[in-house]
Amino acid sequence: MTVVICPSADGEATPEWAASLAAKRRDVTLVPPAVGVFWVAHTAMALRELQQPIVLVAYGAATALVPTVGFAARASRRPVSAYVLVDGPLPSAEHRTTDWPDAPVTCVCDADSDMARQAQLRGWQVTSGDISDAVIAAAAT
């Protein structure tokens, strides 16, 4: 299992939890930052060298772009086995007309947030616990 932590989509710094998780575990890859129209291509290219299966983790604004990265991963024969979305907007409901999500989705956010309510309506797992624990749990499934 390889855990891939996508870069921020809006140029924010890598969160402390992501850097800490990558430092502790050899199966965690931090994709270097990229901003702008090439974000999806940059992130998808980083997946091509990784071993399967992949757990894709996104935070902040990048959470809304996860279906596009998942599609690119499938196209390059690197299917995603789980998605973890951390404190950001959920992907548009328009993506539900396609084959996304193609793997289990876990949302890590405040239990009383709009993100939590929307995720629960979509049948996704919601946790407000430790982000690293949620990522490790998703990788174990």
N, C-alpha and C. Protein backbone atom coordinates (compact mmCIF):
# COMPACT_ATOMS: atom_id res chain seq x y z
N MET A 1 0.84 -1.17 0.00
CA MET A 1 0.00 0.00 0.00
C MET A 1 0.89 1.24 0.00
N THR A 2 0.55 2.19 -0.84
CA THR A 2 1.26 3.46 -0.86
C THR A 2 0.27 4.58 -0.57
N VAL A 3 0.58 5.41 0.39
CA VAL A 3 -0.24 6.56 0.73
C VAL A 3 0.34 7.77 0.02
N VAL A 4 -0.48 8.45 -0.76
CA VAL A 4 -0.03 9.62 -1.49
C VAL A 4 -0.76 10.84 -0.93
N ILE A 5 0.01 11.81 -0.45
CA ILE A 5 -0.57 13.05 0.04
C ILE A 5 -0.40 14.09 -1.05
N CYS A 6 -1.53 14.49 -1.63
CA CYS A 6 -1.52 15.46 -2.72
C CYS A 6 -1.06 16.82 -2.20
N PRO A 7 -0.45 17.61 -3.08
CA PRO A 7 -0.07 18.96 -2.66
C PRO A 7 -1.29 19.86 -2.55
N SER A 8 -1.11 20.96 -1.89
CA SER A 8 -2.17 21.95 -1.81
C SER A 8 -2.49 22.46 -3.21
N ALA A 9 -3.76 22.71 -3.47
CA ALA A 9 -4.15 23.23 -4.78
C ALA A 9 -4.07 24.75 -4.83
N ASP A 10 -3.86 25.38 -3.68
CA ASP A 10 -3.83 26.83 -3.68
C ASP A 10 -2.53 27.41 -3.11
N GLY A 11 -1.48 26.61 -3.07
CA GLY A 11 -0.17 27.11 -2.68
C GLY A 11 0.12 27.15 -1.19
N GLU A 12 -0.81 26.66 -0.37
CA GLU A 12 -0.53 26.69 1.07
C GLU A 12 0.55 25.66 1.41
N ALA A 13 1.22 25.88 2.52
CA ALA A 13 2.32 25.01 2.94
C ALA A 13 1.80 23.62 3.30
N THR A 14 2.68 22.63 3.22
CA THR A 14 2.34 21.27 3.63
C THR A 14 2.01 21.28 5.12
N PRO A 15 0.85 20.74 5.49
CA PRO A 15 0.48 20.75 6.92
C PRO A 15 1.42 19.88 7.75
N GLU A 16 1.52 20.22 9.01
CA GLU A 16 2.41 19.50 9.92
C GLU A 16 2.07 18.01 9.99
N TRP A 17 0.76 17.67 10.01
CA TRP A 17 0.37 16.26 10.11
C TRP A 17 0.88 15.47 8.92
N ALA A 18 0.90 16.09 7.73
CA ALA A 18 1.36 15.38 6.51
C ALA A 18 2.87 15.15 6.56
N ALA A 19 3.61 16.16 6.93
CA ALA A 19 5.06 16.03 7.02
C ALA A 19 5.45 15.01 8.09
N SER A 20 4.73 15.03 9.21
CA SER A 20 5.01 14.09 10.29
C SER A 20 4.72 12.65 9.87
N LEU A 21 3.59 12.45 9.20
CA LEU A 21 3.23 11.11 8.74
C LEU A 21 4.25 10.59 7.73
N ALA A 22 4.69 11.45 6.81
CA ALA A 22 5.68 11.04 5.81
C ALA A 22 7.03 10.72 6.46
N ALA A 23 7.37 11.43 7.52
CA ALA A 23 8.64 11.16 8.20
C ALA A 23 8.61 9.85 8.97
N LYS A 24 7.43 9.44 9.44
CA LYS A 24 7.30 8.23 10.26
C LYS A 24 7.14 6.95 9.45
N ARG A 25 6.57 7.07 8.25
CA ARG A 25 6.21 5.86 7.49
C ARG A 25 6.86 5.88 6.11
N ARG A 26 7.44 4.76 5.75
CA ARG A 26 8.10 4.66 4.45
C ARG A 26 7.10 4.53 3.30
N ASP A 27 5.87 4.18 3.59
CA ASP A 27 4.88 3.99 2.54
C ASP A 27 4.09 5.26 2.23
N VAL A 28 4.55 6.41 2.75
CA VAL A 28 3.87 7.68 2.51
C VAL A 28 4.71 8.54 1.57
N THR A 29 4.06 9.04 0.52
CA THR A 29 4.72 9.91 -0.45
C THR A 29 4.06 11.28 -0.42
N LEU A 30 4.86 12.32 -0.24
CA LEU A 30 4.37 13.69 -0.33
C LEU A 30 4.64 14.18 -1.74
N VAL A 31 3.61 14.54 -2.48
CA VAL A 31 3.80 15.08 -3.82
C VAL A 31 4.22 16.52 -3.67
N PRO A 32 5.30 16.94 -4.37
CA PRO A 32 5.76 18.32 -4.26
C PRO A 32 4.70 19.31 -4.73
N PRO A 33 4.75 20.53 -4.21
CA PRO A 33 3.73 21.53 -4.55
C PRO A 33 3.69 21.90 -6.04
N ALA A 34 2.51 22.22 -6.49
CA ALA A 34 2.27 22.76 -7.84
C ALA A 34 0.99 23.56 -7.75
N VAL A 35 0.96 24.70 -8.38
CA VAL A 35 -0.21 25.56 -8.31
C VAL A 35 -0.65 25.91 -9.73
N GLY A 36 -1.95 26.04 -9.90
CA GLY A 36 -2.46 26.49 -11.19
C GLY A 36 -3.04 25.36 -12.02
N VAL A 37 -3.11 25.61 -13.32
CA VAL A 37 -3.79 24.69 -14.22
C VAL A 37 -3.09 23.35 -14.35
N PHE A 38 -1.83 23.26 -13.99
CA PHE A 38 -1.10 22.01 -14.12
C PHE A 38 -1.16 21.15 -12.87
N TRP A 39 -1.94 21.55 -11.87
CA TRP A 39 -1.97 20.82 -10.60
C TRP A 39 -2.36 19.36 -10.80
N VAL A 40 -3.43 19.11 -11.53
CA VAL A 40 -3.90 17.73 -11.70
C VAL A 40 -2.86 16.91 -12.46
N ALA A 41 -2.32 17.46 -13.54
CA ALA A 41 -1.31 16.73 -14.32
C ALA A 41 -0.07 16.46 -13.47
N HIS A 42 0.36 17.44 -12.72
CA HIS A 42 1.53 17.29 -11.85
C HIS A 42 1.30 16.17 -10.83
N THR A 43 0.14 16.18 -10.21
CA THR A 43 -0.17 15.18 -9.19
C THR A 43 -0.30 13.80 -9.82
N ALA A 44 -0.96 13.71 -10.96
CA ALA A 44 -1.13 12.42 -11.64
C ALA A 44 0.22 11.85 -12.10
N MET A 45 1.11 12.69 -12.55
CA MET A 45 2.43 12.22 -12.97
C MET A 45 3.21 11.64 -11.80
N ALA A 46 3.01 12.19 -10.61
CA ALA A 46 3.69 11.68 -9.43
C ALA A 46 3.22 10.27 -9.08
N LEU A 47 2.01 9.90 -9.49
CA LEU A 47 1.46 8.58 -9.17
C LEU A 47 2.02 7.47 -10.05
N ARG A 48 2.50 7.82 -11.22
CA ARG A 48 2.85 6.79 -12.20
C ARG A 48 3.98 5.86 -11.75
N GLU A 49 4.86 6.30 -10.87
CA GLU A 49 5.98 5.49 -10.43
C GLU A 49 5.70 4.70 -9.15
N LEU A 50 4.55 4.90 -8.58
CA LEU A 50 4.25 4.31 -7.29
C LEU A 50 3.68 2.91 -7.42
N GLN A 51 3.86 2.15 -6.36
CA GLN A 51 3.31 0.80 -6.34
C GLN A 51 1.84 0.85 -5.96
N GLN A 52 1.12 -0.15 -6.40
CA GLN A 52 -0.30 -0.24 -6.10
C GLN A 52 -0.48 -0.98 -4.79
N PRO A 53 -1.58 -0.89 -4.17
CA PRO A 53 -2.66 0.08 -4.36
C PRO A 53 -2.31 1.42 -3.73
N ILE A 54 -3.04 2.45 -4.12
CA ILE A 54 -2.77 3.82 -3.68
C ILE A 54 -3.93 4.32 -2.81
N VAL A 55 -3.58 4.95 -1.70
CA VAL A 55 -4.55 5.69 -0.89
C VAL A 55 -4.26 7.15 -1.18
N LEU A 56 -5.23 7.85 -1.73
CA LEU A 56 -5.05 9.24 -2.14
C LEU A 56 -5.60 10.16 -1.04
N VAL A 57 -4.74 11.02 -0.50
CA VAL A 57 -5.11 11.94 0.57
C VAL A 57 -5.02 13.36 0.03
N ALA A 58 -6.08 14.13 0.22
CA ALA A 58 -6.09 15.52 -0.21
C ALA A 58 -6.61 16.39 0.92
N TYR A 59 -6.11 17.61 0.98
CA TYR A 59 -6.52 18.54 2.03
C TYR A 59 -6.79 19.91 1.43
N GLY A 60 -7.60 20.69 2.14
CA GLY A 60 -7.90 22.04 1.69
C GLY A 60 -8.60 22.04 0.34
N ALA A 61 -8.27 23.01 -0.49
CA ALA A 61 -8.91 23.16 -1.80
C ALA A 61 -8.71 21.95 -2.71
N ALA A 62 -7.67 21.17 -2.47
CA ALA A 62 -7.37 20.01 -3.31
C ALA A 62 -8.44 18.92 -3.20
N THR A 63 -9.22 18.92 -2.12
CA THR A 63 -10.24 17.87 -1.96
C THR A 63 -11.27 17.90 -3.08
N ALA A 64 -11.55 19.08 -3.61
CA ALA A 64 -12.54 19.19 -4.69
C ALA A 64 -12.02 18.62 -6.01
N LEU A 65 -10.69 18.46 -6.13
CA LEU A 65 -10.09 17.98 -7.38
C LEU A 65 -9.81 16.49 -7.38
N VAL A 66 -10.09 15.82 -6.29
CA VAL A 66 -9.75 14.41 -6.15
C VAL A 66 -10.36 13.51 -7.25
N PRO A 67 -11.60 13.70 -7.68
CA PRO A 67 -12.12 12.82 -8.74
C PRO A 67 -11.29 12.88 -10.03
N THR A 68 -10.78 14.06 -10.35
CA THR A 68 -9.97 14.20 -11.56
C THR A 68 -8.65 13.45 -11.42
N VAL A 69 -8.04 13.53 -10.24
CA VAL A 69 -6.80 12.80 -10.00
C VAL A 69 -7.07 11.29 -9.99
N GLY A 70 -8.19 10.88 -9.39
CA GLY A 70 -8.55 9.47 -9.39
C GLY A 70 -8.74 8.93 -10.80
N PHE A 71 -9.38 9.71 -11.66
CA PHE A 71 -9.56 9.30 -13.05
C PHE A 71 -8.21 9.18 -13.75
N ALA A 72 -7.33 10.15 -13.54
CA ALA A 72 -5.99 10.10 -14.15
C ALA A 72 -5.21 8.90 -13.65
N ALA A 73 -5.36 8.58 -12.36
CA ALA A 73 -4.67 7.41 -11.81
C ALA A 73 -5.16 6.12 -12.47
N ARG A 74 -6.48 6.00 -12.63
CA ARG A 74 -7.03 4.82 -13.31
C ARG A 74 -6.55 4.73 -14.75
N ALA A 75 -6.50 5.88 -15.42
CA ALA A 75 -6.06 5.89 -16.82
C ALA A 75 -4.62 5.44 -16.96
N SER A 76 -3.80 5.69 -15.94
CA SER A 76 -2.40 5.27 -15.98
C SER A 76 -2.20 3.93 -15.28
N ARG A 77 -3.30 3.22 -15.07
CA ARG A 77 -3.27 1.90 -14.43
C ARG A 77 -2.70 1.91 -13.01
N ARG A 78 -3.02 2.96 -12.29
CA ARG A 78 -2.66 3.09 -10.89
C ARG A 78 -3.94 3.36 -10.09
N PRO A 79 -4.81 2.38 -10.00
CA PRO A 79 -6.10 2.62 -9.35
C PRO A 79 -5.95 2.99 -7.87
N VAL A 80 -6.89 3.77 -7.41
CA VAL A 80 -6.91 4.22 -6.02
C VAL A 80 -7.77 3.25 -5.22
N SER A 81 -7.26 2.82 -4.06
CA SER A 81 -8.02 1.88 -3.23
C SER A 81 -8.83 2.59 -2.14
N ALA A 82 -8.48 3.84 -1.84
CA ALA A 82 -9.24 4.62 -0.85
C ALA A 82 -8.89 6.10 -1.03
N TYR A 83 -9.85 6.95 -0.66
CA TYR A 83 -9.65 8.40 -0.69
C TYR A 83 -9.84 8.92 0.72
N VAL A 84 -8.99 9.86 1.13
CA VAL A 84 -9.14 10.55 2.41
C VAL A 84 -9.16 12.04 2.10
N LEU A 85 -10.27 12.71 2.46
CA LEU A 85 -10.44 14.14 2.22
C LEU A 85 -10.39 14.86 3.55
N VAL A 86 -9.48 15.83 3.67
CA VAL A 86 -9.24 16.50 4.94
C VAL A 86 -9.61 17.98 4.84
N ASP A 87 -10.60 18.39 5.64
CA ASP A 87 -10.95 19.80 5.81
C ASP A 87 -10.94 20.62 4.53
N GLY A 88 -11.79 20.28 3.62
CA GLY A 88 -11.90 21.05 2.38
C GLY A 88 -13.26 20.84 1.75
N PRO A 89 -13.50 21.50 0.64
CA PRO A 89 -14.79 21.32 -0.03
C PRO A 89 -14.89 19.92 -0.64
N LEU A 90 -16.07 19.36 -0.56
CA LEU A 90 -16.27 18.05 -1.19
C LEU A 90 -16.31 18.22 -2.70
N PRO A 91 -15.93 17.18 -3.43
CA PRO A 91 -16.06 17.25 -4.88
C PRO A 91 -17.51 17.54 -5.27
N SER A 92 -17.68 18.20 -6.36
CA SER A 92 -19.02 18.54 -6.85
C SER A 92 -19.86 17.29 -7.02
N ALA A 93 -21.14 17.42 -6.74
CA ALA A 93 -22.05 16.29 -6.93
C ALA A 93 -22.14 15.87 -8.38
N GLU A 94 -21.71 16.73 -9.31
CA GLU A 94 -21.70 16.38 -10.73
C GLU A 94 -20.84 15.16 -11.01
N HIS A 95 -19.79 14.96 -10.19
CA HIS A 95 -18.92 13.80 -10.39
C HIS A 95 -19.63 12.50 -10.07
N ARG A 96 -20.76 12.58 -9.39
CA ARG A 96 -21.50 11.36 -9.04
C ARG A 96 -22.15 10.74 -10.26
N THR A 97 -22.27 11.47 -11.35
CA THR A 97 -22.84 10.89 -12.57
C THR A 97 -21.82 10.04 -13.29
N THR A 98 -20.57 10.15 -12.91
CA THR A 98 -19.51 9.33 -13.50
C THR A 98 -19.29 8.13 -12.58
N ASP A 99 -18.15 7.52 -12.70
CA ASP A 99 -17.87 6.35 -11.87
C ASP A 99 -17.05 6.71 -10.63
N TRP A 100 -17.16 7.94 -10.17
CA TRP A 100 -16.47 8.34 -8.96
C TRP A 100 -17.46 8.49 -7.83
N PRO A 101 -17.21 8.06 -6.65
CA PRO A 101 -15.95 7.47 -6.22
C PRO A 101 -15.87 5.99 -6.58
N ASP A 102 -14.71 5.58 -6.93
CA ASP A 102 -14.47 4.20 -7.31
C ASP A 102 -13.82 3.41 -6.18
N ALA A 103 -13.74 4.03 -5.01
CA ALA A 103 -13.15 3.41 -3.82
C ALA A 103 -13.77 4.08 -2.60
N PRO A 104 -13.62 3.48 -1.42
CA PRO A 104 -14.17 4.10 -0.22
C PRO A 104 -13.60 5.50 0.03
N VAL A 105 -14.45 6.37 0.58
CA VAL A 105 -14.06 7.75 0.88
C VAL A 105 -14.21 7.99 2.38
N THR A 106 -13.18 8.57 2.99
CA THR A 106 -13.23 8.98 4.39
C THR A 106 -13.01 10.49 4.42
N CYS A 107 -13.87 11.19 5.13
CA CYS A 107 -13.72 12.64 5.30
C CYS A 107 -13.30 12.91 6.74
N VAL A 108 -12.23 13.67 6.89
CA VAL A 108 -11.74 14.05 8.21
C VAL A 108 -12.06 15.52 8.40
N CYS A 109 -12.99 15.80 9.32
CA CYS A 109 -13.44 17.18 9.52
C CYS A 109 -14.19 17.26 10.85
N ASP A 110 -14.57 18.47 11.20
CA ASP A 110 -15.38 18.69 12.40
C ASP A 110 -16.72 17.98 12.22
N ALA A 111 -17.13 17.22 13.19
CA ALA A 111 -18.36 16.42 13.08
C ALA A 111 -19.60 17.26 12.84
N ASP A 112 -19.58 18.52 13.23
CA ASP A 112 -20.75 19.40 13.05
C ASP A 112 -20.67 20.25 11.79
N SER A 113 -19.68 20.02 10.94
CA SER A 113 -19.47 20.87 9.77
C SER A 113 -20.38 20.49 8.60
N ASP A 114 -20.49 21.40 7.68
CA ASP A 114 -21.24 21.15 6.45
C ASP A 114 -20.61 20.00 5.66
N MET A 115 -19.26 19.94 5.68
CA MET A 115 -18.56 18.85 5.00
C MET A 115 -19.00 17.50 5.56
N ALA A 116 -19.11 17.41 6.88
CA ALA A 116 -19.52 16.15 7.51
C ALA A 116 -20.93 15.77 7.11
N ARG A 117 -21.84 16.73 7.13
CA ARG A 117 -23.23 16.44 6.76
C ARG A 117 -23.33 15.99 5.31
N GLN A 118 -22.65 16.69 4.41
CA GLN A 118 -22.70 16.31 3.00
C GLN A 118 -22.07 14.92 2.77
N ALA A 119 -20.97 14.66 3.44
CA ALA A 119 -20.31 13.36 3.29
C ALA A 119 -21.22 12.23 3.79
N GLN A 120 -21.89 12.45 4.90
CA GLN A 120 -22.79 11.43 5.43
C GLN A 120 -23.95 11.17 4.48
N LEU A 121 -24.46 12.23 3.86
CA LEU A 121 -25.54 12.06 2.88
C LEU A 121 -25.08 11.23 1.68
N ARG A 122 -23.81 11.30 1.36
CA ARG A 122 -23.26 10.53 0.24
C ARG A 122 -22.86 9.12 0.66
N GLY A 123 -23.00 8.82 1.94
CA GLY A 123 -22.67 7.48 2.42
C GLY A 123 -21.20 7.27 2.70
N TRP A 124 -20.45 8.35 2.86
CA TRP A 124 -19.03 8.25 3.11
C TRP A 124 -18.76 8.25 4.61
N GLN A 125 -17.64 7.66 4.98
CA GLN A 125 -17.25 7.64 6.39
C GLN A 125 -16.78 9.03 6.79
N VAL A 126 -17.14 9.44 7.99
CA VAL A 126 -16.74 10.74 8.52
C VAL A 126 -16.07 10.51 9.87
N THR A 127 -14.94 11.14 10.07
CA THR A 127 -14.25 11.08 11.35
C THR A 127 -13.74 12.47 11.71
N SER A 128 -13.76 12.76 12.99
CA SER A 128 -13.21 14.04 13.45
C SER A 128 -11.97 13.79 14.30
N GLY A 129 -11.47 12.57 14.22
CA GLY A 129 -10.30 12.20 15.01
C GLY A 129 -9.00 12.65 14.37
N ASP A 130 -7.93 12.04 14.81
CA ASP A 130 -6.59 12.36 14.33
C ASP A 130 -6.46 12.04 12.84
N ILE A 131 -5.92 12.96 12.08
CA ILE A 131 -5.79 12.79 10.63
C ILE A 131 -4.90 11.61 10.30
N SER A 132 -3.76 11.51 10.96
CA SER A 132 -2.84 10.40 10.69
C SER A 132 -3.50 9.06 10.94
N ASP A 133 -4.29 8.96 12.00
CA ASP A 133 -4.99 7.70 12.31
C ASP A 133 -6.00 7.37 11.19
N ALA A 134 -6.70 8.38 10.69
CA ALA A 134 -7.68 8.16 9.61
C ALA A 134 -6.99 7.67 8.35
N VAL A 135 -5.82 8.24 8.04
CA VAL A 135 -5.07 7.84 6.85
C VAL A 135 -4.59 6.39 7.00
N ILE A 136 -4.05 6.07 8.15
CA ILE A 136 -3.54 4.71 8.40
C ILE A 136 -4.70 3.71 8.35
N ALA A 137 -5.87 4.06 8.89
CA ALA A 137 -7.04 3.17 8.84
C ALA A 137 -7.49 2.95 7.42
N ALA A 138 -7.48 4.00 6.60
CA ALA A 138 -7.88 3.86 5.19
C ALA A 138 -6.89 2.98 4.45
N ALA A 139 -5.63 3.06 4.79
CA ALA A 139 -4.61 2.24 4.13
C ALA A 139 -4.72 0.78 4.52
N ALA A 140 -5.30 0.51 5.68
CA ALA A 140 -5.42 -0.87 6.17
C ALA A 140 -6.60 -1.61 5.54
N THR A 141 -7.52 -0.89 4.90
CA THR A 141 -8.69 -1.57 4.34
C THR A 141 -8.44 -2.06 2.93
